[in-house]
Amino acid sequence: MTDAEARITALEILVEQLIVERCAMTDDPLGTAEQARDRLTAMAQADTTGRITHSVAAALTDAMQRVVERIEGMAG
């Protein structure tokens, strides 16, 4: 793994952790995470500028799915 790849991986983990912590502070952590995942997916699909590529949209969806799974794991 190159230095750049390692930095990207670390950033992804940090962002996921921040999202998990923010969702955990709400009354409905799982619902909040699922809503965020759905909104990010909708934003990516609605992008007509081409700035959000398919790979970026897929990465966002995957990251948010991991967040949902982590919150589900925290709940029980």
C-alpha atoms as a PDB file:
ATOM      1  CA  MET A   1       0.000   0.000   0.000  1.00  0.00           C
ATOM      2  CA  THR A   2       1.375   3.365  -0.992  1.00  0.00           C
ATOM      3  CA  ASP A   3       1.471   6.349   1.327  1.00  0.00           C
ATOM      4  CA  ALA A   4      -1.417   7.982  -0.547  1.00  0.00           C
ATOM      5  CA  GLU A   5      -3.543   4.826  -0.311  1.00  0.00           C
ATOM      6  CA  ALA A   6      -2.836   4.576   3.408  1.00  0.00           C
ATOM      7  CA  ARG A   7      -3.872   8.191   3.914  1.00  0.00           C
ATOM      8  CA  ILE A   8      -7.108   7.660   1.985  1.00  0.00           C
ATOM      9  CA  THR A   9      -7.898   4.570   4.056  1.00  0.00           C
ATOM     10  CA  ALA A  10      -7.210   6.454   7.286  1.00  0.00           C
ATOM     11  CA  LEU A  11      -9.432   9.315   6.147  1.00  0.00           C
ATOM     12  CA  GLU A  12     -12.252   6.908   5.297  1.00  0.00           C
ATOM     13  CA  ILE A  13     -12.031   5.340   8.759  1.00  0.00           C
ATOM     14  CA  LEU A  14     -12.014   8.768  10.408  1.00  0.00           C
ATOM     15  CA  VAL A  15     -15.061   9.944   8.462  1.00  0.00           C
ATOM     16  CA  GLU A  16     -16.955   6.748   9.278  1.00  0.00           C
ATOM     17  CA  GLN A  17     -16.123   7.137  12.971  1.00  0.00           C
ATOM     18  CA  LEU A  18     -17.270  10.756  12.995  1.00  0.00           C
ATOM     19  CA  ILE A  19     -20.548   9.770  11.360  1.00  0.00           C
ATOM     20  CA  VAL A  20     -21.066   6.914  13.842  1.00  0.00           C
ATOM     21  CA  GLU A  21     -20.432   9.246  16.776  1.00  0.00           C
ATOM     22  CA  ARG A  22     -22.771  11.904  15.405  1.00  0.00           C
ATOM     23  CA  CYS A  23     -25.536   9.372  14.759  1.00  0.00           C
ATOM     24  CA  ALA A  24     -25.061   7.874  18.227  1.00  0.00           C
ATOM     25  CA  MET A  25     -25.839  11.285  19.752  1.00  0.00           C
ATOM     26  CA  THR A  26     -29.365  11.290  18.275  1.00  0.00           C
ATOM     27  CA  ASP A  27     -32.539   9.732  19.648  1.00  0.00           C
ATOM     28  CA  ASP A  28     -32.608   7.228  16.765  1.00  0.00           C
ATOM     29  CA  PRO A  29     -29.008   6.412  15.755  1.00  0.00           C
ATOM     30  CA  LEU A  30     -29.931   3.681  13.278  1.00  0.00           C
ATOM     31  CA  GLY A  31     -32.675   5.742  11.652  1.00  0.00           C
ATOM     32  CA  THR A  32     -30.333   8.717  11.382  1.00  0.00           C
ATOM     33  CA  ALA A  33     -27.610   6.626   9.723  1.00  0.00           C
ATOM     34  CA  GLU A  34     -30.066   5.028   7.316  1.00  0.00           C
ATOM     35  CA  GLN A  35     -31.497   8.433   6.415  1.00  0.00           C
ATOM     36  CA  ALA A  36     -27.997   9.815   5.794  1.00  0.00           C
ATOM     37  CA  ARG A  37     -27.141   6.820   3.603  1.00  0.00           C
ATOM     38  CA  ASP A  38     -30.324   7.273   1.581  1.00  0.00           C
ATOM     39  CA  ARG A  39     -29.745  11.025   1.176  1.00  0.00           C
ATOM     40  CA  LEU A  40     -26.143  10.570   0.026  1.00  0.00           C
ATOM     41  CA  THR A  41     -27.247   7.943  -2.468  1.00  0.00           C
ATOM     42  CA  ALA A  42     -30.019  10.214  -3.774  1.00  0.00           C
ATOM     43  CA  MET A  43     -27.628  13.168  -4.088  1.00  0.00           C
ATOM     44  CA  ALA A  44     -25.139  11.074  -6.029  1.00  0.00           C
ATOM     45  CA  GLN A  45     -27.830   9.744  -8.353  1.00  0.00           C
ATOM     46  CA  ALA A  46     -29.249  13.238  -8.938  1.00  0.00           C
ATOM     47  CA  ASP A  47     -25.877  14.759  -9.843  1.00  0.00           C
ATOM     48  CA  THR A  48     -26.016  15.920 -13.441  1.00  0.00           C
ATOM     49  CA  THR A  49     -22.667  17.723 -13.400  1.00  0.00           C
ATOM     50  CA  GLY A  50     -20.599  14.562 -13.515  1.00  0.00           C
ATOM     51  CA  ARG A  51     -18.654  15.580 -10.422  1.00  0.00           C
ATOM     52  CA  ILE A  52     -19.885  12.543  -8.513  1.00  0.00           C
ATOM     53  CA  THR A  53     -18.630   9.553 -10.447  1.00  0.00           C
ATOM     54  CA  HIS A  54     -20.070   6.074 -10.122  1.00  0.00           C
ATOM     55  CA  SER A  55     -17.061   4.983  -8.073  1.00  0.00           C
ATOM     56  CA  VAL A  56     -17.490   7.906  -5.666  1.00  0.00           C
ATOM     57  CA  ALA A  57     -21.203   7.160  -5.268  1.00  0.00           C
ATOM     58  CA  ALA A  58     -20.433   3.503  -4.642  1.00  0.00           C
ATOM     59  CA  ALA A  59     -17.779   4.397  -2.066  1.00  0.00           C
ATOM     60  CA  LEU A  60     -20.220   6.710  -0.248  1.00  0.00           C
ATOM     61  CA  THR A  61     -22.908   4.047  -0.220  1.00  0.00           C
ATOM     62  CA  ASP A  62     -20.461   1.407   1.024  1.00  0.00           C
ATOM     63  CA  ALA A  63     -19.166   3.687   3.778  1.00  0.00           C
ATOM     64  CA  MET A  64     -22.657   4.526   4.955  1.00  0.00           C
ATOM     65  CA  GLN A  65     -23.601   0.850   4.937  1.00  0.00           C
ATOM     66  CA  ARG A  66     -20.616   0.144   7.203  1.00  0.00           C
ATOM     67  CA  VAL A  67     -21.821   2.946   9.499  1.00  0.00           C
ATOM     68  CA  VAL A  68     -25.294   1.378   9.644  1.00  0.00           C
ATOM     69  CA  GLU A  69     -23.763  -2.020  10.422  1.00  0.00           C
ATOM     70  CA  ARG A  70     -21.591  -0.565  13.180  1.00  0.00           C
ATOM     71  CA  ILE A  71     -24.582   1.141  14.773  1.00  0.00           C
ATOM     72  CA  GLU A  72     -26.600  -2.063  14.545  1.00  0.00           C
ATOM     73  CA  GLY A  73     -23.708  -3.824  16.286  1.00  0.00           C
ATOM     74  CA  MET A  74     -23.662  -1.218  19.043  1.00  0.00           C
ATOM     75  CA  ALA A  75     -27.400  -1.702  19.615  1.00  0.00           C
ATOM     76  CA  GLY A  76     -27.228  -5.362  20.297  1.00  0.00           C
END
